[in-house]
Amino acid sequence: IGAANAPGEWVRSEIRKAREITDKPVGVNIMLLSEHIDEVAQVVVEEKVSVVSTGAGNPGKYMKMWKDAGIKVMPVVASVALAKLMERAGADMVIAEGMESGGHIGEQTTMTLVPQVADAVSIPVVAAGGGIADARGFCAAFMLGAEAVQMGTRFVVAKESDVHQLYKDRIIAARDIDSVVTGRSTGHPVRSLRNEMTRQYLNMEKENVSFEELEHLTLGALRKAVVDGDVKMGTVMAGQIAGMVKKEQTCKEIITEIMDDAHKLFNSVKF
């Protein structure tokens, strides 16, 4: 369950909905920049979720509380230093996410980050970062030292995904050069697909406008894209592999295709 910037009680209701339809473990992804982070961090403890993954920051403040509650914690890391810190704090695994990913990004690519993190920690490493969309990326991640992969952009266009159809269509229509990063001047770089909003934002950055003006331009921009389907002035977050995503499929079809192709690839490799 993606908590995003939702309040704690919304997250609680989603957890309970999930438990009505499955007896399998329930996990929650928590965005540490959320204004509701403290209450969401407490809700996952009260609702006894099985797994928490975190992004956009350091979850150290909440680690003991989550671990004491028996929750397995999977923080996203963008550096070796943070990976080591998370291991010492009790993380069960880390998600090494390269700068090819959609949304908030770091500075290292998946190709360089994953092997360095895998060498630096003894806990399992999950590879992520917008460079993984098919069996080729899946196999490459394992060769780099990962034990699993995390994929976002391809699942945005899954039939089960409830983002606006225009958002999905924009990803499916994306070319290899359509990915752009805004916010480097503010210290909070975000990758999305280029549109009128990103054009205005980048021009404003060149003109050294204030942080407040930049924030005003993007206020509610993700919701505009995801909920309202405004792919011109909304933030269409997507990884650099958006150009490889060509169709809508069910989650089962995506996973089955990747795994079937991965077996073929592994078996065809000659050294």
C-alpha atoms as a PDB file:
ATOM      1  CA  ILE A   1       0.000   0.000   0.000  1.00  0.00           C
ATOM      2  CA  GLY A   2       1.468   3.343  -1.032  1.00  0.00           C
ATOM      3  CA  ALA A   3       0.973   5.824   1.792  1.00  0.00           C
ATOM      4  CA  ALA A   4       2.309   8.739  -0.302  1.00  0.00           C
ATOM      5  CA  ASN A   5       1.235  11.969   1.442  1.00  0.00           C
ATOM      6  CA  ALA A   6      -1.995  10.541   2.843  1.00  0.00           C
ATOM      7  CA  PRO A   7      -3.031  10.985   6.497  1.00  0.00           C
ATOM      8  CA  GLY A   8      -2.723   8.149   8.968  1.00  0.00           C
ATOM      9  CA  GLU A   9      -6.399   7.243   9.094  1.00  0.00           C
ATOM     10  CA  TRP A  10      -6.550   6.807   5.314  1.00  0.00           C
ATOM     11  CA  VAL A  11      -3.594   4.433   5.503  1.00  0.00           C
ATOM     12  CA  ARG A  12      -5.317   2.550   8.316  1.00  0.00           C
ATOM     13  CA  SER A  13      -8.472   2.145   6.224  1.00  0.00           C
ATOM     14  CA  GLU A  14      -6.466   0.827   3.269  1.00  0.00           C
ATOM     15  CA  ILE A  15      -4.683  -1.714   5.455  1.00  0.00           C
ATOM     16  CA  ARG A  16      -8.022  -2.962   6.757  1.00  0.00           C
ATOM     17  CA  LYS A  17      -9.460  -3.145   3.230  1.00  0.00           C
ATOM     18  CA  ALA A  18      -6.488  -5.252   2.173  1.00  0.00           C
ATOM     19  CA  ARG A  19      -7.026  -7.617   5.068  1.00  0.00           C
ATOM     20  CA  GLU A  20     -10.637  -8.100   3.998  1.00  0.00           C
ATOM     21  CA  ILE A  21      -9.571  -9.491   0.637  1.00  0.00           C
ATOM     22  CA  THR A  22      -6.457 -11.489   1.519  1.00  0.00           C
ATOM     23  CA  ASP A  23      -4.848 -13.391   4.356  1.00  0.00           C
ATOM     24  CA  LYS A  24      -1.397 -12.733   2.870  1.00  0.00           C
ATOM     25  CA  PRO A  25       1.072 -10.328   4.525  1.00  0.00           C
ATOM     26  CA  VAL A  26       0.336  -6.621   4.053  1.00  0.00           C
ATOM     27  CA  GLY A  27       3.080  -4.065   3.472  1.00  0.00           C
ATOM     28  CA  VAL A  28       3.091  -0.262   3.418  1.00  0.00           C
ATOM     29  CA  ASN A  29       5.419   2.076   1.564  1.00  0.00           C
ATOM     30  CA  ILE A  30       6.057   5.262   3.529  1.00  0.00           C
ATOM     31  CA  MET A  31       7.310   8.528   2.019  1.00  0.00           C
ATOM     32  CA  LEU A  32       9.413  10.130   4.717  1.00  0.00           C
ATOM     33  CA  LEU A  33       8.834  13.645   3.339  1.00  0.00           C
ATOM     34  CA  SER A  34       5.103  13.344   4.025  1.00  0.00           C
ATOM     35  CA  GLU A  35       3.597  15.887   6.375  1.00  0.00           C
ATOM     36  CA  HIS A  36       1.763  12.965   8.005  1.00  0.00           C
ATOM     37  CA  ILE A  37       4.844  10.800   8.541  1.00  0.00           C
ATOM     38  CA  ASP A  38       4.647  10.604  12.356  1.00  0.00           C
ATOM     39  CA  GLU A  39       1.049   9.410  12.416  1.00  0.00           C
ATOM     40  CA  VAL A  40       1.553   6.962   9.530  1.00  0.00           C
ATOM     41  CA  ALA A  41       4.630   5.532  11.266  1.00  0.00           C
ATOM     42  CA  GLN A  42       2.463   4.848  14.328  1.00  0.00           C
ATOM     43  CA  VAL A  43      -0.466   3.442  12.329  1.00  0.00           C
ATOM     44  CA  VAL A  44       1.635   0.660  10.757  1.00  0.00           C
ATOM     45  CA  VAL A  45       2.617  -0.428  14.269  1.00  0.00           C
ATOM     46  CA  GLU A  46      -0.935  -0.345  15.575  1.00  0.00           C
ATOM     47  CA  GLU A  47      -2.216  -2.279  12.537  1.00  0.00           C
ATOM     48  CA  LYS A  48       0.628  -4.825  12.798  1.00  0.00           C
ATOM     49  CA  VAL A  49       1.643  -4.714   9.140  1.00  0.00           C
ATOM     50  CA  SER A  50       4.273  -7.222   8.085  1.00  0.00           C
ATOM     51  CA  VAL A  51       6.588  -5.035   6.015  1.00  0.00           C
ATOM     52  CA  VAL A  52       7.412  -1.351   5.674  1.00  0.00           C
ATOM     53  CA  SER A  53       9.440   0.110   2.836  1.00  0.00           C
ATOM     54  CA  THR A  54      10.545   3.719   2.984  1.00  0.00           C
ATOM     55  CA  GLY A  55      11.637   6.349   0.493  1.00  0.00           C
ATOM     56  CA  ALA A  56      12.764   9.965   0.275  1.00  0.00           C
ATOM     57  CA  GLY A  57      14.874  10.089   3.402  1.00  0.00           C
ATOM     58  CA  ASN A  58      16.344   8.343   6.435  1.00  0.00           C
ATOM     59  CA  PRO A  59      13.833   6.351   8.555  1.00  0.00           C
ATOM     60  CA  GLY A  60      16.216   6.045  11.508  1.00  0.00           C
ATOM     61  CA  LYS A  61      13.831   7.927  13.795  1.00  0.00           C
ATOM     62  CA  TYR A  62      11.234   5.157  13.453  1.00  0.00           C
ATOM     63  CA  MET A  63      13.384   2.039  13.084  1.00  0.00           C
ATOM     64  CA  LYS A  64      13.354   0.909  16.723  1.00  0.00           C
ATOM     65  CA  MET A  65       9.594   1.352  17.001  1.00  0.00           C
ATOM     66  CA  TRP A  66       9.013  -0.693  13.850  1.00  0.00           C
ATOM     67  CA  LYS A  67      11.509  -3.408  14.727  1.00  0.00           C
ATOM     68  CA  ASP A  68      10.107  -3.742  18.253  1.00  0.00           C
ATOM     69  CA  ALA A  69       6.715  -4.318  16.616  1.00  0.00           C
ATOM     70  CA  GLY A  70       8.126  -7.170  14.537  1.00  0.00           C
ATOM     71  CA  ILE A  71       7.902  -5.277  11.240  1.00  0.00           C
ATOM     72  CA  LYS A  72      10.406  -6.067   8.511  1.00  0.00           C
ATOM     73  CA  VAL A  73      11.876  -2.798   7.239  1.00  0.00           C
ATOM     74  CA  MET A  74      13.149  -2.154   3.709  1.00  0.00           C
ATOM     75  CA  PRO A  75      14.565   1.383   3.288  1.00  0.00           C
ATOM     76  CA  VAL A  76      15.409   2.820  -0.114  1.00  0.00           C
ATOM     77  CA  VAL A  77      19.044   3.973  -0.172  1.00  0.00           C
ATOM     78  CA  ALA A  78      20.918   6.072  -2.720  1.00  0.00           C
ATOM     79  CA  SER A  79      24.405   5.649  -1.263  1.00  0.00           C
ATOM     80  CA  VAL A  80      26.668   3.124   0.419  1.00  0.00           C
ATOM     81  CA  ALA A  81      26.832   5.294   3.537  1.00  0.00           C
ATOM     82  CA  LEU A  82      23.064   5.225   4.009  1.00  0.00           C
ATOM     83  CA  ALA A  83      22.962   1.491   3.313  1.00  0.00           C
ATOM     84  CA  LYS A  84      25.491   0.856   6.086  1.00  0.00           C
ATOM     85  CA  LEU A  85      23.602   3.149   8.440  1.00  0.00           C
ATOM     86  CA  MET A  86      20.352   1.295   7.768  1.00  0.00           C
ATOM     87  CA  GLU A  87      21.996  -2.079   8.355  1.00  0.00           C
ATOM     88  CA  ARG A  88      23.303  -0.892  11.738  1.00  0.00           C
ATOM     89  CA  ALA A  89      19.840   0.423  12.581  1.00  0.00           C
ATOM     90  CA  GLY A  90      18.311  -3.013  12.013  1.00  0.00           C
ATOM     91  CA  ALA A  91      16.985  -2.913   8.454  1.00  0.00           C
ATOM     92  CA  ASP A  92      16.144  -6.372   7.124  1.00  0.00           C
ATOM     93  CA  MET A  93      17.211  -5.428   3.598  1.00  0.00           C
ATOM     94  CA  VAL A  94      17.927  -2.294   1.584  1.00  0.00           C
ATOM     95  CA  ILE A  95      16.587  -1.154  -1.782  1.00  0.00           C
ATOM     96  CA  ALA A  96      19.459   0.353  -3.776  1.00  0.00           C
ATOM     97  CA  GLU A  97      17.753   2.800  -6.114  1.00  0.00           C
ATOM     98  CA  GLY A  98      19.641   4.463  -8.941  1.00  0.00           C
ATOM     99  CA  MET A  99      19.008   7.911 -10.376  1.00  0.00           C
ATOM    100  CA  GLU A 100      17.252   6.469 -13.438  1.00  0.00           C
ATOM    101  CA  SER A 101      14.125   6.052 -11.336  1.00  0.00           C
ATOM    102  CA  GLY A 102      11.025   8.217 -11.400  1.00  0.00           C
ATOM    103  CA  GLY A 103      10.330  10.596  -8.519  1.00  0.00           C
ATOM    104  CA  HIS A 104      12.940  11.757  -6.000  1.00  0.00           C
ATOM    105  CA  ILE A 105      16.397  10.621  -7.056  1.00  0.00           C
ATOM    106  CA  GLY A 106      20.004  10.456  -5.899  1.00  0.00           C
ATOM    107  CA  GLU A 107      23.179  10.866  -7.937  1.00  0.00           C
ATOM    108  CA  GLN A 108      24.377   7.318  -8.666  1.00  0.00           C
ATOM    109  CA  THR A 109      23.147   5.023 -11.411  1.00  0.00           C
ATOM    110  CA  THR A 110      21.757   1.582 -10.648  1.00  0.00           C
ATOM    111  CA  MET A 111      24.712  -0.026 -12.442  1.00  0.00           C
ATOM    112  CA  THR A 112      27.226   1.617 -10.112  1.00  0.00           C
ATOM    113  CA  LEU A 113      25.191   1.741  -6.901  1.00  0.00           C
ATOM    114  CA  VAL A 114      23.947  -1.852  -6.604  1.00  0.00           C
ATOM    115  CA  PRO A 115      27.336  -3.649  -6.636  1.00  0.00           C
ATOM    116  CA  GLN A 116      28.862  -1.165  -4.196  1.00  0.00           C
ATOM    117  CA  VAL A 117      25.967  -1.537  -1.776  1.00  0.00           C
ATOM    118  CA  ALA A 118      26.022  -5.337  -2.187  1.00  0.00           C
ATOM    119  CA  ASP A 119      29.721  -5.336  -1.240  1.00  0.00           C
ATOM    120  CA  ALA A 120      29.169  -3.013   1.718  1.00  0.00           C
ATOM    121  CA  VAL A 121      26.337  -4.752   3.605  1.00  0.00           C
ATOM    122  CA  SER A 122      25.534  -8.316   4.634  1.00  0.00           C
ATOM    123  CA  ILE A 123      21.746  -7.980   4.433  1.00  0.00           C
ATOM    124  CA  PRO A 124      19.900  -8.645   1.154  1.00  0.00           C
ATOM    125  CA  VAL A 125      19.994  -5.929  -1.500  1.00  0.00           C
ATOM    126  CA  VAL A 126      17.055  -5.163  -3.782  1.00  0.00           C
ATOM    127  CA  ALA A 127      17.882  -3.359  -7.042  1.00  0.00           C
ATOM    128  CA  ALA A 128      15.650  -0.532  -8.210  1.00  0.00           C
ATOM    129  CA  GLY A 129      15.943   2.641 -10.177  1.00  0.00           C
ATOM    130  CA  GLY A 130      14.190   2.991 -13.478  1.00  0.00           C
ATOM    131  CA  GLY A 131      16.648   0.794 -15.343  1.00  0.00           C
ATOM    132  CA  ILE A 132      14.625  -2.363 -14.846  1.00  0.00           C
ATOM    133  CA  ALA A 133      11.612  -2.983 -17.056  1.00  0.00           C
ATOM    134  CA  ASP A 134      12.054  -6.457 -18.478  1.00  0.00           C
ATOM    135  CA  ALA A 135      13.955  -9.716 -18.080  1.00  0.00           C
ATOM    136  CA  ARG A 136      17.211  -8.146 -19.255  1.00  0.00           C
ATOM    137  CA  GLY A 137      17.210  -5.630 -16.402  1.00  0.00           C
ATOM    138  CA  PHE A 138      16.078  -8.339 -13.991  1.00  0.00           C
ATOM    139  CA  CYS A 139      18.994 -10.612 -14.930  1.00  0.00           C
ATOM    140  CA  ALA A 140      21.474  -7.731 -14.889  1.00  0.00           C
ATOM    141  CA  ALA A 141      20.435  -6.811 -11.342  1.00  0.00           C
ATOM    142  CA  PHE A 142      21.270 -10.305 -10.124  1.00  0.00           C
ATOM    143  CA  MET A 143      24.658 -10.170 -11.843  1.00  0.00           C
ATOM    144  CA  LEU A 144      25.344  -6.922  -9.953  1.00  0.00           C
ATOM    145  CA  GLY A 145      24.728  -8.608  -6.604  1.00  0.00           C
ATOM    146  CA  ALA A 146      21.038  -7.988  -5.955  1.00  0.00           C
ATOM    147  CA  GLU A 147      18.751 -10.705  -4.601  1.00  0.00           C
ATOM    148  CA  ALA A 148      15.534  -9.137  -5.879  1.00  0.00           C
ATOM    149  CA  VAL A 149      14.312  -6.218  -7.971  1.00  0.00           C
ATOM    150  CA  GLN A 150      11.800  -3.448  -7.362  1.00  0.00           C
ATOM    151  CA  MET A 151       9.985  -2.049 -10.383  1.00  0.00           C
ATOM    152  CA  GLY A 152       7.769   1.024 -10.465  1.00  0.00           C
ATOM    153  CA  THR A 153       7.255   2.535 -13.901  1.00  0.00           C
ATOM    154  CA  ARG A 154       6.158  -0.638 -15.629  1.00  0.00           C
ATOM    155  CA  PHE A 155       3.568  -1.333 -12.947  1.00  0.00           C
ATOM    156  CA  VAL A 156       2.159   2.199 -13.230  1.00  0.00           C
ATOM    157  CA  VAL A 157       0.570   1.050 -16.500  1.00  0.00           C
ATOM    158  CA  ALA A 158      -0.675  -2.250 -15.069  1.00  0.00           C
ATOM    159  CA  LYS A 159      -4.391  -2.787 -15.537  1.00  0.00           C
ATOM    160  CA  GLU A 160      -4.839  -2.924 -11.761  1.00  0.00           C
ATOM    161  CA  SER A 161      -3.164   0.479 -11.341  1.00  0.00           C
ATOM    162  CA  ASP A 162      -5.730   3.199 -10.635  1.00  0.00           C
ATOM    163  CA  VAL A 163      -3.718   6.146 -11.939  1.00  0.00           C
ATOM    164  CA  HIS A 164      -5.519   8.162 -14.624  1.00  0.00           C
ATOM    165  CA  GLN A 165      -5.574   6.587 -18.081  1.00  0.00           C
ATOM    166  CA  LEU A 166      -3.934   9.695 -19.591  1.00  0.00           C
ATOM    167  CA  TYR A 167      -0.982   9.160 -17.212  1.00  0.00           C
ATOM    168  CA  LYS A 168      -0.661   5.573 -18.430  1.00  0.00           C
ATOM    169  CA  ASP A 169      -0.966   6.654 -22.058  1.00  0.00           C
ATOM    170  CA  ARG A 170       1.804   9.226 -21.584  1.00  0.00           C
ATOM    171  CA  ILE A 171       4.176   6.557 -20.297  1.00  0.00           C
ATOM    172  CA  ILE A 172       3.287   4.155 -23.104  1.00  0.00           C
ATOM    173  CA  ALA A 173       3.891   6.913 -25.666  1.00  0.00           C
ATOM    174  CA  ALA A 174       7.202   8.005 -24.094  1.00  0.00           C
ATOM    175  CA  ARG A 175      10.431   8.014 -26.070  1.00  0.00           C
ATOM    176  CA  ASP A 176      13.914   7.403 -24.715  1.00  0.00           C
ATOM    177  CA  ILE A 177      14.598  11.173 -24.564  1.00  0.00           C
ATOM    178  CA  ASP A 178      11.399  12.143 -22.741  1.00  0.00           C
ATOM    179  CA  SER A 179      12.812  11.812 -19.213  1.00  0.00           C
ATOM    180  CA  VAL A 180      13.850  15.028 -17.447  1.00  0.00           C
ATOM    181  CA  VAL A 181      15.015  16.040 -13.961  1.00  0.00           C
ATOM    182  CA  THR A 182      13.728  19.152 -12.221  1.00  0.00           C
ATOM    183  CA  GLY A 183      14.695  20.555  -8.833  1.00  0.00           C
ATOM    184  CA  ARG A 184      18.456  20.168  -8.971  1.00  0.00           C
ATOM    185  CA  SER A 185      18.837  23.789  -7.865  1.00  0.00           C
ATOM    186  CA  THR A 186      16.748  23.168  -4.746  1.00  0.00           C
ATOM    187  CA  GLY A 187      18.561  20.011  -3.676  1.00  0.00           C
ATOM    188  CA  HIS A 188      15.429  17.916  -4.271  1.00  0.00           C
ATOM    189  CA  PRO A 189      15.782  16.534  -7.815  1.00  0.00           C
ATOM    190  CA  VAL A 190      12.732  14.774  -9.244  1.00  0.00           C
ATOM    191  CA  ARG A 191      12.566  12.734 -12.453  1.00  0.00           C
ATOM    192  CA  SER A 192       9.438  12.865 -14.583  1.00  0.00           C
ATOM    193  CA  LEU A 193       8.377  12.958 -18.224  1.00  0.00           C
ATOM    194  CA  ARG A 194       8.821  16.288 -19.967  1.00  0.00           C
ATOM    195  CA  ASN A 195       5.743  18.453 -20.423  1.00  0.00           C
ATOM    196  CA  GLU A 196       4.706  22.091 -20.131  1.00  0.00           C
ATOM    197  CA  MET A 197       5.194  22.088 -16.363  1.00  0.00           C
ATOM    198  CA  THR A 198       8.778  20.753 -16.566  1.00  0.00           C
ATOM    199  CA  ARG A 199       9.564  23.272 -19.336  1.00  0.00           C
ATOM    200  CA  GLN A 200       8.393  26.141 -17.143  1.00  0.00           C
ATOM    201  CA  TYR A 201      10.176  24.736 -14.088  1.00  0.00           C
ATOM    202  CA  LEU A 202      13.526  24.349 -15.860  1.00  0.00           C
ATOM    203  CA  ASN A 203      13.274  27.862 -17.301  1.00  0.00           C
ATOM    204  CA  MET A 204      12.541  29.231 -13.830  1.00  0.00           C
ATOM    205  CA  GLU A 205      15.550  27.352 -12.440  1.00  0.00           C
ATOM    206  CA  LYS A 206      17.753  28.958 -15.094  1.00  0.00           C
ATOM    207  CA  GLU A 207      16.433  32.347 -14.020  1.00  0.00           C
ATOM    208  CA  ASN A 208      17.260  31.558 -10.362  1.00  0.00           C
ATOM    209  CA  VAL A 209      13.750  32.211  -9.125  1.00  0.00           C
ATOM    210  CA  SER A 210      12.996  31.601  -5.464  1.00  0.00           C
ATOM    211  CA  PHE A 211      12.351  28.202  -3.940  1.00  0.00           C
ATOM    212  CA  GLU A 212       8.866  29.378  -2.986  1.00  0.00           C
ATOM    213  CA  GLU A 213       7.990  30.160  -6.616  1.00  0.00           C
ATOM    214  CA  LEU A 214       9.220  26.763  -7.751  1.00  0.00           C
ATOM    215  CA  GLU A 215       7.230  25.065  -5.010  1.00  0.00           C
ATOM    216  CA  HIS A 216       4.108  26.972  -6.019  1.00  0.00           C
ATOM    217  CA  LEU A 217       4.436  25.687  -9.595  1.00  0.00           C
ATOM    218  CA  THR A 218       4.510  22.056  -8.442  1.00  0.00           C
ATOM    219  CA  LEU A 219       1.991  22.335  -5.604  1.00  0.00           C
ATOM    220  CA  GLY A 220      -0.421  19.431  -6.053  1.00  0.00           C
ATOM    221  CA  ALA A 221       1.175  18.603  -9.408  1.00  0.00           C
ATOM    222  CA  LEU A 222       1.432  14.857  -8.782  1.00  0.00           C
ATOM    223  CA  ARG A 223      -2.239  14.657  -7.896  1.00  0.00           C
ATOM    224  CA  LYS A 224      -3.069  16.627 -11.028  1.00  0.00           C
ATOM    225  CA  ALA A 225      -1.418  13.947 -13.140  1.00  0.00           C
ATOM    226  CA  VAL A 226      -2.392  10.826 -11.201  1.00  0.00           C
ATOM    227  CA  VAL A 227      -5.981  11.707 -10.313  1.00  0.00           C
ATOM    228  CA  ASP A 228      -7.063  14.377 -12.789  1.00  0.00           C
ATOM    229  CA  GLY A 229      -5.106  13.180 -15.814  1.00  0.00           C
ATOM    230  CA  ASP A 230      -3.460  16.563 -16.365  1.00  0.00           C
ATOM    231  CA  VAL A 231      -0.303  15.397 -18.147  1.00  0.00           C
ATOM    232  CA  LYS A 232       0.567  18.939 -19.267  1.00  0.00           C
ATOM    233  CA  MET A 233       0.856  20.748 -15.938  1.00  0.00           C
ATOM    234  CA  GLY A 234       0.955  17.714 -13.633  1.00  0.00           C
ATOM    235  CA  THR A 235       4.066  15.803 -12.579  1.00  0.00           C
ATOM    236  CA  VAL A 236       4.206  12.588 -14.620  1.00  0.00           C
ATOM    237  CA  MET A 237       6.767  10.717 -12.529  1.00  0.00           C
ATOM    238  CA  ALA A 238       8.392   7.861 -14.459  1.00  0.00           C
ATOM    239  CA  GLY A 239      11.790   6.245 -14.769  1.00  0.00           C
ATOM    240  CA  GLN A 240      14.109   6.416 -17.752  1.00  0.00           C
ATOM    241  CA  ILE A 241      12.807   3.043 -18.932  1.00  0.00           C
ATOM    242  CA  ALA A 242       9.427   4.601 -19.785  1.00  0.00           C
ATOM    243  CA  GLY A 243      10.435   4.356 -23.441  1.00  0.00           C
ATOM    244  CA  MET A 244      10.519   0.552 -23.071  1.00  0.00           C
ATOM    245  CA  VAL A 245       6.965   0.295 -21.752  1.00  0.00           C
ATOM    246  CA  LYS A 246       4.662  -0.253 -24.704  1.00  0.00           C
ATOM    247  CA  LYS A 247       1.430  -1.781 -23.399  1.00  0.00           C
ATOM    248  CA  GLU A 248      -0.948  -2.283 -20.505  1.00  0.00           C
ATOM    249  CA  GLN A 249      -0.903  -5.721 -18.896  1.00  0.00           C
ATOM    250  CA  THR A 250      -2.140  -7.237 -15.675  1.00  0.00           C
ATOM    251  CA  CYS A 251       0.366  -7.545 -12.836  1.00  0.00           C
ATOM    252  CA  LYS A 252       0.324 -11.316 -13.330  1.00  0.00           C
ATOM    253  CA  GLU A 253       1.100 -10.953 -17.034  1.00  0.00           C
ATOM    254  CA  ILE A 254       3.993  -8.588 -16.335  1.00  0.00           C
ATOM    255  CA  ILE A 255       5.570 -10.853 -13.721  1.00  0.00           C
ATOM    256  CA  THR A 256       5.025 -14.039 -15.713  1.00  0.00           C
ATOM    257  CA  GLU A 257       6.538 -12.505 -18.848  1.00  0.00           C
ATOM    258  CA  ILE A 258       9.616 -11.258 -16.991  1.00  0.00           C
ATOM    259  CA  MET A 259      10.218 -14.547 -15.199  1.00  0.00           C
ATOM    260  CA  ASP A 260       9.695 -16.690 -18.314  1.00  0.00           C
ATOM    261  CA  ASP A 261      12.062 -14.501 -20.326  1.00  0.00           C
ATOM    262  CA  ALA A 262      14.586 -14.430 -17.468  1.00  0.00           C
ATOM    263  CA  HIS A 263      14.789 -18.230 -17.396  1.00  0.00           C
ATOM    264  CA  LYS A 264      15.445 -18.229 -21.144  1.00  0.00           C
ATOM    265  CA  LEU A 265      18.116 -15.558 -20.788  1.00  0.00           C
ATOM    266  CA  PHE A 266      19.908 -17.283 -17.920  1.00  0.00           C
ATOM    267  CA  ASN A 267      19.925 -20.557 -19.809  1.00  0.00           C
ATOM    268  CA  SER A 268      21.223 -18.941 -22.993  1.00  0.00           C
ATOM    269  CA  VAL A 269      24.210 -17.171 -21.442  1.00  0.00           C
ATOM    270  CA  LYS A 270      27.562 -18.581 -22.531  1.00  0.00           C
ATOM    271  CA  PHE A 271      30.835 -17.740 -20.802  1.00  0.00           C
END
